[in-house]
N, C-alpha and C. Protein backbone atom coordinates (compact mmCIF):
# COMPACT_ATOMS: atom_id res chain seq x y z
N UNK A 1 16.30 43.39 4.00
CA UNK A 1 15.81 44.39 4.85
C UNK A 1 15.54 43.77 6.25
N UNK A 2 16.12 44.42 7.22
CA UNK A 2 16.12 43.88 8.77
C UNK A 2 14.89 44.25 9.50
N UNK A 3 13.75 43.54 9.44
CA UNK A 3 12.54 44.05 10.12
C UNK A 3 12.04 42.92 10.84
N UNK A 4 11.14 43.18 11.88
CA UNK A 4 10.68 42.02 12.77
C UNK A 4 9.34 41.66 12.23
N UNK A 5 8.66 42.41 11.53
CA UNK A 5 7.24 42.12 10.98
C UNK A 5 7.14 42.92 9.57
N UNK A 6 6.13 42.26 8.84
CA UNK A 6 5.65 42.87 7.57
C UNK A 6 4.23 43.08 7.55
N UNK A 7 3.75 44.22 7.27
CA UNK A 7 2.25 44.72 7.24
C UNK A 7 1.83 44.83 5.78
N UNK A 8 0.96 43.98 5.30
CA UNK A 8 0.56 44.16 3.79
C UNK A 8 -0.73 44.87 3.75
N UNK A 9 -0.90 45.58 2.76
CA UNK A 9 -2.28 46.09 2.26
C UNK A 9 -2.89 44.86 1.57
N UNK A 10 -4.14 44.82 1.43
CA UNK A 10 -4.77 43.69 0.60
C UNK A 10 -4.98 43.88 -0.74
N UNK A 11 -5.92 44.68 -1.00
CA UNK A 11 -6.47 44.80 -2.34
C UNK A 11 -5.46 45.57 -3.11
N UNK A 12 -4.96 45.09 -4.43
CA UNK A 12 -4.01 45.81 -5.30
C UNK A 12 -2.63 45.52 -4.74
N UNK A 13 -2.33 44.89 -3.71
CA UNK A 13 -0.94 44.43 -3.08
C UNK A 13 -0.88 42.96 -3.24
N UNK A 14 -1.74 42.35 -2.41
CA UNK A 14 -1.83 40.84 -2.31
C UNK A 14 -2.72 40.23 -3.45
N UNK A 15 -3.81 41.05 -3.49
CA UNK A 15 -4.93 40.45 -4.37
C UNK A 15 -5.18 41.27 -5.60
N UNK A 16 -5.45 40.78 -6.82
CA UNK A 16 -5.62 41.42 -7.96
C UNK A 16 -7.20 41.90 -8.13
N UNK A 17 -7.56 42.85 -7.45
CA UNK A 17 -9.12 43.04 -7.18
C UNK A 17 -9.38 44.50 -7.50
N UNK A 18 -8.53 45.32 -7.84
CA UNK A 18 -8.66 46.88 -7.93
C UNK A 18 -9.79 47.10 -8.98
N UNK A 19 -9.88 46.53 -10.13
CA UNK A 19 -10.74 46.71 -11.23
C UNK A 19 -12.14 46.20 -10.71
N UNK A 20 -12.18 45.10 -9.95
CA UNK A 20 -13.51 44.65 -9.55
C UNK A 20 -14.06 45.64 -8.51
N UNK A 21 -13.34 46.17 -7.56
CA UNK A 21 -13.86 47.17 -6.56
C UNK A 21 -14.26 48.23 -7.34
N UNK A 22 -13.55 48.87 -8.33
CA UNK A 22 -13.84 50.05 -8.92
C UNK A 22 -15.17 49.87 -9.75
N UNK A 23 -15.20 48.85 -10.50
CA UNK A 23 -16.46 48.57 -11.24
C UNK A 23 -17.74 48.22 -10.35
N UNK A 24 -17.59 47.61 -9.29
CA UNK A 24 -18.67 47.55 -8.39
C UNK A 24 -19.12 48.69 -7.82
N UNK A 25 -18.33 49.67 -7.38
CA UNK A 25 -18.62 51.03 -6.80
C UNK A 25 -19.41 51.94 -7.98
N UNK A 26 -18.69 51.82 -9.16
CA UNK A 26 -19.15 52.60 -10.39
C UNK A 26 -20.73 52.10 -10.70
N UNK A 27 -20.96 50.85 -10.66
CA UNK A 27 -22.33 50.22 -10.86
C UNK A 27 -23.24 50.79 -9.86
N UNK A 28 -22.87 50.73 -8.38
CA UNK A 28 -23.82 51.06 -7.44
C UNK A 28 -24.10 52.43 -7.50
N UNK A 29 -23.09 53.32 -7.70
CA UNK A 29 -23.43 54.74 -7.76
C UNK A 29 -24.24 55.18 -9.00
N UNK A 30 -24.15 54.42 -10.09
CA UNK A 30 -24.92 54.78 -11.18
C UNK A 30 -26.38 54.40 -11.05
N UNK A 31 -26.40 53.33 -10.47
CA UNK A 31 -27.79 52.82 -10.21
C UNK A 31 -28.61 53.96 -9.29
N UNK A 32 -28.02 54.70 -8.60
CA UNK A 32 -28.62 55.55 -7.71
C UNK A 32 -28.69 57.08 -8.23
N UNK A 33 -28.26 56.97 -9.51
CA UNK A 33 -28.30 58.42 -10.31
C UNK A 33 -27.11 59.34 -10.18
N UNK A 34 -26.05 58.70 -9.69
CA UNK A 34 -24.82 59.64 -9.50
C UNK A 34 -24.17 59.48 -10.83
N UNK A 35 -23.14 60.66 -10.94
CA UNK A 35 -22.51 60.72 -12.30
C UNK A 35 -21.54 59.49 -12.52
N UNK A 36 -21.58 59.14 -13.80
CA UNK A 36 -20.68 58.00 -14.25
C UNK A 36 -19.25 58.57 -14.36
N UNK A 37 -18.56 58.51 -13.33
CA UNK A 37 -16.95 58.93 -13.41
C UNK A 37 -16.18 57.99 -14.25
N UNK A 38 -15.08 58.40 -14.67
CA UNK A 38 -14.12 57.70 -15.22
C UNK A 38 -13.59 56.54 -14.31
N UNK A 39 -13.51 55.28 -14.85
CA UNK A 39 -12.97 54.20 -13.87
C UNK A 39 -11.82 54.64 -13.14
N UNK A 40 -10.99 55.51 -13.68
CA UNK A 40 -9.80 55.75 -13.07
C UNK A 40 -10.00 56.44 -11.75
N UNK A 41 -11.10 57.26 -11.61
CA UNK A 41 -11.53 57.82 -10.40
C UNK A 41 -11.87 56.89 -9.28
N UNK A 42 -12.51 55.81 -9.63
CA UNK A 42 -12.82 54.81 -8.85
C UNK A 42 -11.63 53.91 -8.26
N UNK A 43 -10.67 53.75 -9.20
CA UNK A 43 -9.41 52.98 -8.90
C UNK A 43 -8.64 53.90 -7.90
N UNK A 44 -8.80 55.10 -8.08
CA UNK A 44 -7.79 56.04 -7.23
C UNK A 44 -8.15 56.02 -5.78
N UNK A 45 -9.54 55.60 -5.34
CA UNK A 45 -10.00 55.63 -3.98
C UNK A 45 -9.83 54.31 -3.42
N UNK A 46 -9.42 53.22 -4.10
CA UNK A 46 -9.20 52.04 -3.53
C UNK A 46 -8.12 52.13 -2.43
N UNK A 47 -8.41 51.57 -1.29
CA UNK A 47 -7.57 51.59 -0.17
C UNK A 47 -8.08 52.45 0.91
N UNK A 48 -8.94 53.30 0.57
CA UNK A 48 -9.77 54.21 1.64
C UNK A 48 -10.76 53.45 2.14
N UNK A 49 -11.33 53.73 3.39
CA UNK A 49 -12.56 53.29 3.91
C UNK A 49 -13.63 53.65 3.11
N UNK A 50 -14.86 53.03 3.02
CA UNK A 50 -15.82 53.23 2.11
C UNK A 50 -16.42 54.74 2.32
N UNK A 51 -16.53 55.11 3.70
CA UNK A 51 -17.03 56.60 3.91
C UNK A 51 -16.34 57.53 3.19
N UNK A 52 -14.79 57.47 3.46
CA UNK A 52 -14.02 58.37 2.90
C UNK A 52 -13.77 58.35 1.41
N UNK A 53 -14.08 57.22 0.81
CA UNK A 53 -13.79 57.10 -0.73
C UNK A 53 -14.99 57.68 -1.27
N UNK A 54 -16.18 57.56 -0.61
CA UNK A 54 -17.46 58.19 -1.33
C UNK A 54 -17.48 59.60 -1.11
N UNK A 55 -16.90 60.16 0.05
CA UNK A 55 -16.89 61.63 0.08
C UNK A 55 -15.83 62.24 -0.65
N UNK A 56 -14.89 61.50 -1.15
CA UNK A 56 -13.87 62.11 -2.09
C UNK A 56 -14.48 62.07 -3.49
N UNK A 57 -15.19 60.96 -3.87
CA UNK A 57 -15.83 60.70 -5.33
C UNK A 57 -16.92 61.79 -5.44
N UNK A 58 -17.80 61.79 -4.31
CA UNK A 58 -19.10 62.68 -4.45
C UNK A 58 -19.00 63.60 -3.23
N UNK A 59 -18.40 64.69 -3.26
CA UNK A 59 -18.43 65.70 -2.27
C UNK A 59 -19.81 66.13 -1.88
N UNK A 60 -20.13 66.09 -0.53
CA UNK A 60 -21.40 66.54 -0.02
C UNK A 60 -22.46 65.39 -0.01
N UNK A 61 -21.94 64.04 -0.20
CA UNK A 61 -22.86 62.92 -0.34
C UNK A 61 -23.37 62.86 1.34
N UNK A 62 -24.62 62.45 1.46
CA UNK A 62 -25.15 62.52 2.74
C UNK A 62 -24.86 61.11 3.45
N UNK A 63 -25.07 61.00 4.70
CA UNK A 63 -24.72 59.62 5.31
C UNK A 63 -25.92 58.68 4.82
N UNK A 64 -27.06 59.12 4.59
CA UNK A 64 -28.03 58.21 4.05
C UNK A 64 -27.64 57.68 2.75
N UNK A 65 -27.15 58.47 1.97
CA UNK A 65 -26.92 58.00 0.53
C UNK A 65 -25.54 57.10 0.57
N UNK A 66 -24.62 57.34 1.55
CA UNK A 66 -23.48 56.49 1.77
C UNK A 66 -23.92 55.14 2.11
N UNK A 67 -24.92 55.05 2.93
CA UNK A 67 -25.48 53.64 3.14
C UNK A 67 -26.12 53.02 2.01
N UNK A 68 -26.88 53.64 1.22
CA UNK A 68 -27.33 53.21 -0.02
C UNK A 68 -26.32 52.78 -0.92
N UNK A 69 -25.46 53.57 -1.26
CA UNK A 69 -24.37 53.18 -2.26
C UNK A 69 -23.65 51.97 -1.71
N UNK A 70 -23.43 51.83 -0.30
CA UNK A 70 -22.48 50.94 0.28
C UNK A 70 -23.33 49.45 0.02
N UNK A 71 -24.52 49.51 0.30
CA UNK A 71 -25.41 48.45 0.16
C UNK A 71 -25.35 47.92 -1.32
N UNK A 72 -25.43 48.75 -2.25
CA UNK A 72 -25.36 48.39 -3.74
C UNK A 72 -24.04 47.82 -3.92
N UNK A 73 -23.06 48.67 -3.47
CA UNK A 73 -21.65 48.07 -3.71
C UNK A 73 -21.43 46.52 -3.26
N UNK A 74 -21.99 46.29 -2.02
CA UNK A 74 -21.83 44.95 -1.47
C UNK A 74 -22.41 43.83 -2.46
N UNK A 75 -23.69 44.43 -2.92
CA UNK A 75 -24.29 43.36 -3.86
C UNK A 75 -23.47 43.03 -5.01
N UNK A 76 -22.97 43.92 -5.59
CA UNK A 76 -21.99 43.43 -6.70
C UNK A 76 -20.58 42.96 -6.37
N UNK A 77 -20.01 43.49 -5.39
CA UNK A 77 -18.78 43.00 -4.88
C UNK A 77 -18.73 41.56 -4.45
N UNK A 78 -19.78 41.25 -3.61
CA UNK A 78 -19.75 39.83 -3.12
C UNK A 78 -20.30 38.79 -4.06
N UNK A 79 -20.62 39.32 -5.32
CA UNK A 79 -21.05 38.22 -6.43
C UNK A 79 -19.77 37.49 -6.76
N UNK A 80 -18.57 37.93 -6.45
CA UNK A 80 -17.39 37.30 -6.91
C UNK A 80 -16.65 36.98 -5.72
N UNK A 81 -16.18 35.79 -5.63
CA UNK A 81 -15.46 35.25 -4.31
C UNK A 81 -13.97 35.49 -4.71
N UNK A 82 -13.20 35.87 -3.79
CA UNK A 82 -11.63 35.90 -3.79
C UNK A 82 -11.24 34.42 -3.83
N UNK A 83 -10.50 34.11 -4.66
CA UNK A 83 -9.92 32.65 -4.66
C UNK A 83 -8.44 32.74 -4.76
N UNK A 84 -7.67 31.58 -4.57
CA UNK A 84 -6.28 31.54 -4.76
C UNK A 84 -5.71 32.14 -6.09
N UNK A 85 -6.64 31.99 -7.14
CA UNK A 85 -6.18 32.43 -8.38
C UNK A 85 -6.18 34.03 -8.65
N UNK A 86 -6.74 34.61 -7.64
CA UNK A 86 -6.71 36.15 -7.60
C UNK A 86 -5.54 36.68 -6.68
N UNK A 87 -4.81 35.92 -6.15
CA UNK A 87 -3.64 36.27 -5.53
C UNK A 87 -2.59 36.55 -6.71
N UNK A 88 -1.86 37.79 -6.63
CA UNK A 88 -0.98 38.01 -7.52
C UNK A 88 0.17 36.90 -7.59
N UNK A 89 0.66 36.49 -8.81
CA UNK A 89 1.68 35.50 -8.88
C UNK A 89 2.83 35.60 -8.17
N UNK A 90 3.06 34.72 -7.33
CA UNK A 90 4.29 34.80 -6.33
C UNK A 90 4.04 35.28 -5.05
N UNK A 91 3.02 36.04 -4.85
CA UNK A 91 2.79 36.73 -3.56
C UNK A 91 2.37 35.70 -2.28
N UNK A 92 1.80 34.55 -2.81
CA UNK A 92 1.48 33.68 -1.62
C UNK A 92 2.81 33.08 -1.07
N UNK A 93 3.74 32.89 -1.94
CA UNK A 93 4.91 32.29 -1.52
C UNK A 93 5.85 33.47 -0.73
N UNK A 94 5.60 34.63 -0.95
CA UNK A 94 6.24 35.71 -0.35
C UNK A 94 5.87 35.70 0.93
N UNK A 95 4.51 35.74 1.39
CA UNK A 95 3.94 35.57 2.52
C UNK A 95 4.31 34.31 3.33
N UNK A 96 4.22 33.17 2.65
CA UNK A 96 4.91 32.02 3.40
C UNK A 96 6.23 32.03 3.69
N UNK A 97 7.06 32.73 3.04
CA UNK A 97 8.54 32.86 3.14
C UNK A 97 8.85 33.85 4.30
N UNK A 98 7.96 34.86 4.44
CA UNK A 98 8.13 35.74 5.53
C UNK A 98 7.87 34.97 6.86
N UNK A 99 6.82 34.17 6.88
CA UNK A 99 6.46 33.39 8.06
C UNK A 99 7.61 32.52 8.38
N UNK A 100 8.24 31.78 7.43
CA UNK A 100 9.22 30.71 7.59
C UNK A 100 10.46 31.47 8.19
N UNK A 101 10.63 32.89 7.79
CA UNK A 101 12.01 33.48 8.24
C UNK A 101 11.72 33.92 9.70
N UNK A 102 10.55 33.78 10.31
CA UNK A 102 10.39 34.11 11.69
C UNK A 102 9.91 35.34 11.84
N UNK A 103 9.52 36.19 10.95
CA UNK A 103 8.89 37.63 11.08
C UNK A 103 7.52 37.46 11.01
N UNK A 104 6.94 38.53 11.79
CA UNK A 104 5.49 38.52 11.84
C UNK A 104 4.99 39.02 10.52
N UNK A 105 3.53 38.77 10.47
CA UNK A 105 3.08 38.98 9.13
C UNK A 105 1.56 39.49 9.33
N UNK A 106 1.08 40.69 8.85
CA UNK A 106 -0.21 41.27 9.26
C UNK A 106 -0.86 41.92 7.93
N UNK A 107 -2.11 42.30 8.13
CA UNK A 107 -2.83 43.03 7.23
C UNK A 107 -3.39 44.19 7.67
N UNK A 108 -3.21 45.45 6.94
CA UNK A 108 -3.78 46.60 7.18
C UNK A 108 -4.59 47.07 6.08
N UNK A 109 -5.86 47.19 6.04
CA UNK A 109 -6.64 47.23 4.77
C UNK A 109 -7.88 48.26 4.89
N UNK A 110 -8.15 48.90 3.74
CA UNK A 110 -9.32 49.74 3.70
C UNK A 110 -10.61 48.84 3.74
N UNK A 111 -10.54 47.56 3.48
CA UNK A 111 -11.81 46.68 3.36
C UNK A 111 -12.44 46.78 4.74
N UNK A 112 -13.72 46.35 4.61
CA UNK A 112 -14.50 45.94 5.99
C UNK A 112 -14.11 44.77 6.37
N UNK A 113 -14.44 44.54 7.69
CA UNK A 113 -14.03 43.21 8.38
C UNK A 113 -14.77 42.21 7.67
N UNK A 114 -16.03 42.43 7.42
CA UNK A 114 -16.82 41.38 6.69
C UNK A 114 -16.11 40.98 5.41
N UNK A 115 -15.64 41.97 4.64
CA UNK A 115 -15.14 41.68 3.44
C UNK A 115 -13.64 40.81 3.63
N UNK A 116 -12.87 41.42 4.61
CA UNK A 116 -11.64 40.76 4.77
C UNK A 116 -11.75 39.38 5.40
N UNK A 117 -12.58 39.26 6.29
CA UNK A 117 -12.95 37.84 6.85
C UNK A 117 -13.07 36.80 5.85
N UNK A 118 -14.00 36.99 4.87
CA UNK A 118 -14.39 36.19 3.87
C UNK A 118 -13.13 35.96 2.86
N UNK A 119 -12.34 37.05 2.47
CA UNK A 119 -11.29 36.78 1.62
C UNK A 119 -10.14 36.25 2.19
N UNK A 120 -9.86 36.39 3.44
CA UNK A 120 -8.75 35.56 4.35
C UNK A 120 -8.99 34.09 4.08
N UNK A 121 -10.26 33.75 4.06
CA UNK A 121 -10.60 32.31 4.15
C UNK A 121 -10.43 31.76 2.65
N UNK A 122 -11.20 32.45 1.62
CA UNK A 122 -11.28 31.92 0.30
C UNK A 122 -10.05 32.01 -0.41
N UNK A 123 -9.13 33.10 -0.17
CA UNK A 123 -7.85 33.04 -0.79
C UNK A 123 -6.88 32.12 -0.49
N UNK A 124 -7.05 31.61 0.66
CA UNK A 124 -6.11 30.63 1.09
C UNK A 124 -4.91 31.18 1.75
N UNK A 125 -4.98 32.47 2.11
CA UNK A 125 -3.81 33.18 2.73
C UNK A 125 -3.91 33.30 4.23
N UNK A 126 -5.16 33.27 4.71
CA UNK A 126 -5.63 33.78 6.12
C UNK A 126 -4.67 33.18 7.29
N UNK A 127 -4.28 31.95 6.98
CA UNK A 127 -3.52 31.33 8.10
C UNK A 127 -2.09 31.81 8.13
N UNK A 128 -1.58 32.63 7.35
CA UNK A 128 -0.34 33.26 7.41
C UNK A 128 -0.23 34.46 8.33
N UNK A 129 -1.50 35.04 8.58
CA UNK A 129 -1.30 36.43 9.17
C UNK A 129 -1.72 36.27 10.85
N UNK A 130 -0.80 36.97 11.53
CA UNK A 130 -1.07 37.07 12.91
C UNK A 130 -2.13 37.91 13.43
N UNK A 131 -2.36 39.00 12.69
CA UNK A 131 -3.53 39.95 12.97
C UNK A 131 -3.96 40.83 11.76
N UNK A 132 -4.96 41.53 11.98
CA UNK A 132 -5.31 42.32 10.83
C UNK A 132 -6.12 43.45 11.29
N UNK A 133 -6.21 44.53 10.61
CA UNK A 133 -6.95 45.71 10.90
C UNK A 133 -7.83 46.16 9.65
N UNK A 134 -9.06 46.66 9.94
CA UNK A 134 -9.93 46.98 8.76
C UNK A 134 -10.53 48.53 9.00
N UNK A 135 -10.76 49.19 7.93
CA UNK A 135 -10.99 50.63 7.83
C UNK A 135 -12.40 50.86 9.03
N UNK A 136 -13.21 49.79 8.92
CA UNK A 136 -14.64 50.09 9.57
C UNK A 136 -14.43 49.79 11.01
N UNK A 137 -13.29 49.40 11.59
CA UNK A 137 -13.10 49.07 12.98
C UNK A 137 -11.95 49.95 13.65
N UNK A 138 -11.46 50.85 12.74
CA UNK A 138 -10.52 51.98 13.30
C UNK A 138 -10.64 53.14 12.45
N UNK A 139 -9.57 53.72 12.01
CA UNK A 139 -9.65 54.96 11.05
C UNK A 139 -9.11 54.53 9.89
N UNK A 140 -9.66 55.23 8.77
CA UNK A 140 -9.18 54.92 7.32
C UNK A 140 -7.75 55.51 7.01
N UNK A 141 -7.02 54.73 6.35
CA UNK A 141 -5.81 55.32 5.70
C UNK A 141 -6.05 56.73 5.14
N UNK A 142 -5.12 57.53 5.18
CA UNK A 142 -3.78 57.39 5.63
C UNK A 142 -3.68 57.82 7.07
N UNK A 143 -4.67 57.90 7.83
CA UNK A 143 -4.44 57.95 9.35
C UNK A 143 -3.69 56.71 9.85
N UNK A 144 -2.66 56.82 10.59
CA UNK A 144 -1.81 55.74 10.86
C UNK A 144 -2.47 54.83 12.12
N UNK A 145 -3.63 55.05 12.61
CA UNK A 145 -4.15 54.29 13.67
C UNK A 145 -4.13 52.93 13.59
N UNK A 146 -4.45 52.45 12.38
CA UNK A 146 -4.40 50.80 12.35
C UNK A 146 -2.90 50.34 12.32
N UNK A 147 -2.07 50.99 11.90
CA UNK A 147 -0.50 50.50 12.08
C UNK A 147 -0.25 50.66 13.58
N UNK A 148 -0.56 51.78 14.28
CA UNK A 148 -0.27 51.75 15.61
C UNK A 148 -0.97 50.55 16.46
N UNK A 149 -2.06 50.25 15.98
CA UNK A 149 -2.74 49.08 16.82
C UNK A 149 -1.93 47.79 16.51
N UNK A 150 -1.57 47.67 15.18
CA UNK A 150 -0.92 46.44 14.97
C UNK A 150 0.59 46.47 15.76
N UNK A 151 1.13 47.47 15.68
CA UNK A 151 2.39 47.74 16.57
C UNK A 151 2.31 47.13 18.09
N UNK A 152 1.16 47.80 18.40
CA UNK A 152 0.78 47.44 19.91
C UNK A 152 0.63 46.00 20.04
N UNK A 153 -0.01 45.45 19.07
CA UNK A 153 -0.18 43.76 19.07
C UNK A 153 1.12 43.16 19.32
N UNK A 154 2.01 43.59 18.46
CA UNK A 154 3.44 42.93 18.48
C UNK A 154 4.30 43.34 19.63
N UNK A 155 4.15 44.58 20.01
CA UNK A 155 5.08 45.34 20.83
C UNK A 155 6.38 45.62 20.28
N UNK A 156 6.24 46.06 19.00
CA UNK A 156 7.41 46.70 18.21
C UNK A 156 7.26 47.98 17.95
N UNK A 157 8.40 48.61 17.67
CA UNK A 157 8.55 50.08 17.30
C UNK A 157 8.18 50.16 15.73
N UNK A 158 7.93 51.42 15.44
CA UNK A 158 7.57 51.58 13.95
C UNK A 158 8.72 51.24 13.05
N UNK A 159 9.95 51.65 13.42
CA UNK A 159 11.01 51.39 12.48
C UNK A 159 11.52 49.89 12.51
N UNK A 160 10.92 49.02 13.25
CA UNK A 160 11.07 47.55 13.21
C UNK A 160 10.22 46.85 12.39
N UNK A 161 9.39 47.50 11.69
CA UNK A 161 8.25 46.90 10.83
C UNK A 161 8.18 47.67 9.46
N UNK A 162 7.78 47.02 8.48
CA UNK A 162 7.56 47.56 7.05
C UNK A 162 6.37 47.38 6.82
N UNK A 163 5.67 48.54 6.06
CA UNK A 163 4.37 48.49 5.43
C UNK A 163 4.59 48.28 3.91
N UNK A 164 3.97 47.35 3.37
CA UNK A 164 3.76 47.30 1.77
C UNK A 164 2.53 47.41 1.39
N UNK A 165 2.39 48.30 0.39
CA UNK A 165 1.10 48.70 -0.25
C UNK A 165 1.30 49.29 -1.81
N UNK A 166 0.08 49.37 -2.41
CA UNK A 166 0.04 49.85 -3.84
C UNK A 166 -0.40 51.17 -4.05
N UNK A 167 -0.87 52.00 -2.85
CA UNK A 167 -1.21 53.27 -2.95
C UNK A 167 -0.42 54.27 -2.16
N UNK A 168 -0.76 55.49 -2.36
CA UNK A 168 -0.07 56.54 -1.55
C UNK A 168 -0.70 56.50 -0.21
N UNK A 169 -1.91 56.12 -0.11
CA UNK A 169 -2.55 56.05 1.18
C UNK A 169 -1.96 55.17 2.11
N UNK A 170 -1.42 54.10 1.67
CA UNK A 170 -0.70 53.14 2.44
C UNK A 170 0.66 53.53 2.93
N UNK A 171 1.28 54.17 1.90
CA UNK A 171 2.81 54.71 2.21
C UNK A 171 2.73 55.83 3.14
N UNK A 172 1.67 56.73 2.81
CA UNK A 172 1.70 57.93 3.69
C UNK A 172 1.36 57.56 5.03
N UNK A 173 0.40 56.75 5.19
CA UNK A 173 0.16 56.18 6.54
C UNK A 173 1.35 55.67 7.28
N UNK A 174 2.19 54.95 6.60
CA UNK A 174 3.47 54.50 7.35
C UNK A 174 4.42 55.85 7.56
N UNK A 175 4.50 56.74 6.57
CA UNK A 175 5.40 57.77 6.70
C UNK A 175 5.14 58.61 8.00
N UNK A 176 3.71 58.70 8.21
CA UNK A 176 3.40 59.66 9.37
C UNK A 176 3.91 59.18 10.67
N UNK A 177 4.25 57.90 10.97
CA UNK A 177 4.68 57.38 12.19
C UNK A 177 6.19 56.93 12.05
N UNK A 178 6.73 57.29 10.88
CA UNK A 178 8.23 56.77 10.84
C UNK A 178 8.52 55.25 10.49
N UNK A 179 7.31 54.81 9.95
CA UNK A 179 7.66 53.41 9.49
C UNK A 179 8.12 53.21 8.09
N UNK A 180 9.01 52.30 7.94
CA UNK A 180 9.57 52.20 6.40
C UNK A 180 8.48 51.68 5.55
N UNK A 181 8.43 51.81 4.27
CA UNK A 181 7.30 51.20 3.51
C UNK A 181 7.95 50.81 2.14
N UNK A 182 7.33 50.02 1.45
CA UNK A 182 7.63 49.51 0.16
C UNK A 182 6.32 49.63 -0.66
N UNK A 183 6.55 50.37 -1.84
CA UNK A 183 5.41 50.47 -2.74
C UNK A 183 5.55 49.52 -3.79
N UNK A 184 4.42 48.94 -4.29
CA UNK A 184 4.43 48.03 -5.28
C UNK A 184 3.62 48.66 -6.54
N UNK A 185 4.16 48.46 -7.69
CA UNK A 185 3.55 49.08 -8.91
C UNK A 185 2.55 48.37 -9.73
N UNK A 186 2.06 47.18 -9.21
CA UNK A 186 1.08 46.51 -9.83
C UNK A 186 -0.27 46.66 -9.35
N UNK A 187 -0.64 47.80 -8.66
CA UNK A 187 -1.88 47.94 -7.95
C UNK A 187 -2.47 49.31 -8.58
N UNK A 188 -3.11 50.03 -7.66
CA UNK A 188 -3.97 51.26 -8.05
C UNK A 188 -3.13 52.46 -8.51
N UNK A 189 -2.17 52.72 -7.78
CA UNK A 189 -1.38 54.02 -8.00
C UNK A 189 -0.16 53.87 -8.70
N UNK A 190 0.43 55.05 -9.56
CA UNK A 190 1.48 54.97 -10.30
C UNK A 190 2.69 55.10 -9.62
N UNK A 191 3.80 54.78 -10.05
CA UNK A 191 5.14 54.93 -9.35
C UNK A 191 5.30 56.26 -8.74
N UNK A 192 4.93 57.38 -9.61
CA UNK A 192 5.28 58.70 -9.05
C UNK A 192 4.60 59.12 -7.84
N UNK A 193 3.32 58.54 -7.70
CA UNK A 193 2.36 58.88 -6.48
C UNK A 193 2.93 58.12 -5.38
N UNK A 194 3.64 56.95 -5.48
CA UNK A 194 4.18 56.22 -4.44
C UNK A 194 5.52 56.88 -4.03
N UNK A 195 6.39 57.26 -4.92
CA UNK A 195 7.56 57.91 -4.59
C UNK A 195 7.46 59.21 -3.86
N UNK A 196 6.26 59.96 -3.93
CA UNK A 196 6.01 61.15 -3.18
C UNK A 196 5.93 60.83 -1.76
N UNK A 197 5.70 59.67 -1.34
CA UNK A 197 5.49 59.40 0.18
C UNK A 197 6.90 58.77 0.66
N UNK A 198 7.99 59.01 0.00
CA UNK A 198 9.39 58.78 0.52
C UNK A 198 9.54 57.33 1.11
N UNK A 199 9.14 56.26 0.22
CA UNK A 199 9.26 54.91 0.71
C UNK A 199 10.74 54.53 0.79
N UNK A 200 10.83 53.24 1.43
CA UNK A 200 12.35 52.73 1.37
C UNK A 200 12.57 52.18 -0.09
N UNK A 201 11.47 51.79 -0.77
CA UNK A 201 11.68 51.22 -2.11
C UNK A 201 10.31 51.19 -2.77
N UNK A 202 10.35 51.18 -4.21
CA UNK A 202 9.20 50.97 -4.87
C UNK A 202 9.66 50.03 -5.93
N UNK A 203 8.84 48.84 -5.90
CA UNK A 203 9.25 47.57 -6.70
C UNK A 203 8.22 47.38 -7.79
N UNK A 204 8.67 46.89 -9.10
CA UNK A 204 7.90 46.62 -10.28
C UNK A 204 7.57 45.11 -10.43
N UNK A 205 8.29 44.33 -9.52
CA UNK A 205 7.98 42.90 -9.70
C UNK A 205 8.15 42.21 -8.31
N UNK A 206 7.43 41.03 -8.27
CA UNK A 206 7.72 40.21 -6.97
C UNK A 206 9.02 39.72 -6.81
N UNK A 207 9.79 39.55 -7.89
CA UNK A 207 11.19 39.23 -7.65
C UNK A 207 11.98 40.35 -6.85
N UNK A 208 11.75 41.67 -7.41
CA UNK A 208 12.30 42.84 -6.84
C UNK A 208 11.93 42.98 -5.25
N UNK A 209 10.62 42.57 -4.99
CA UNK A 209 10.04 42.63 -3.57
C UNK A 209 10.90 41.77 -2.69
N UNK A 210 10.99 40.52 -3.21
CA UNK A 210 11.79 39.51 -2.51
C UNK A 210 13.04 39.91 -2.27
N UNK A 211 13.91 40.52 -3.14
CA UNK A 211 15.21 41.13 -2.86
C UNK A 211 15.17 42.00 -1.89
N UNK A 212 14.30 43.03 -1.86
CA UNK A 212 14.37 44.02 -0.82
C UNK A 212 14.07 43.57 0.52
N UNK A 213 13.15 42.52 0.58
CA UNK A 213 12.93 41.92 1.90
C UNK A 213 13.94 41.06 2.38
N UNK A 214 14.90 40.62 1.40
CA UNK A 214 15.99 39.56 1.82
C UNK A 214 15.49 38.24 1.91
N UNK A 215 14.39 37.82 0.98
CA UNK A 215 13.90 36.62 0.91
C UNK A 215 14.52 35.47 -0.04
């Protein structure tokens, strides 16, 4: 694939963290008396900003309650530090090889800046990325603003860059600005949901991803 830069989603794409996010949010909501939804419901919102995620899970939730749930979630989530062992097998090499090939490499995530900053350091991946955008400093996926800001950083056009993610929020975000995308099947959303967003490809293994990217 002939692109000048690759933009990665974080959770569920590079990092095996979807269940930890879902369980942390489930526990935080239950503590405040919210219904105990199926874990699949919490997995489904991984990739959205926290405000948008909670509004989807609990329609009508107030701003004050969002703050309370968010604080509880942080307490659970940050008990577990992201380490190199949490990086999906082979993905650290993919990121490193993208840089070696001379292409740009960035992150667009629904995480908070606080969460990503810590994870970039503790995962051992941070030094590979030129820039990153988080949901709490721009707009949540699938709004494409974070991609537009990364494109502005590089000075590239949308068709010169590819977005790689595990959710339809990632791929829909790219689709809205004409950016090619690649869906990965090892994260939060099933293949059918990814295909709905008309990606360039959906891959089931890191080997397949490497072939699509020409690594």
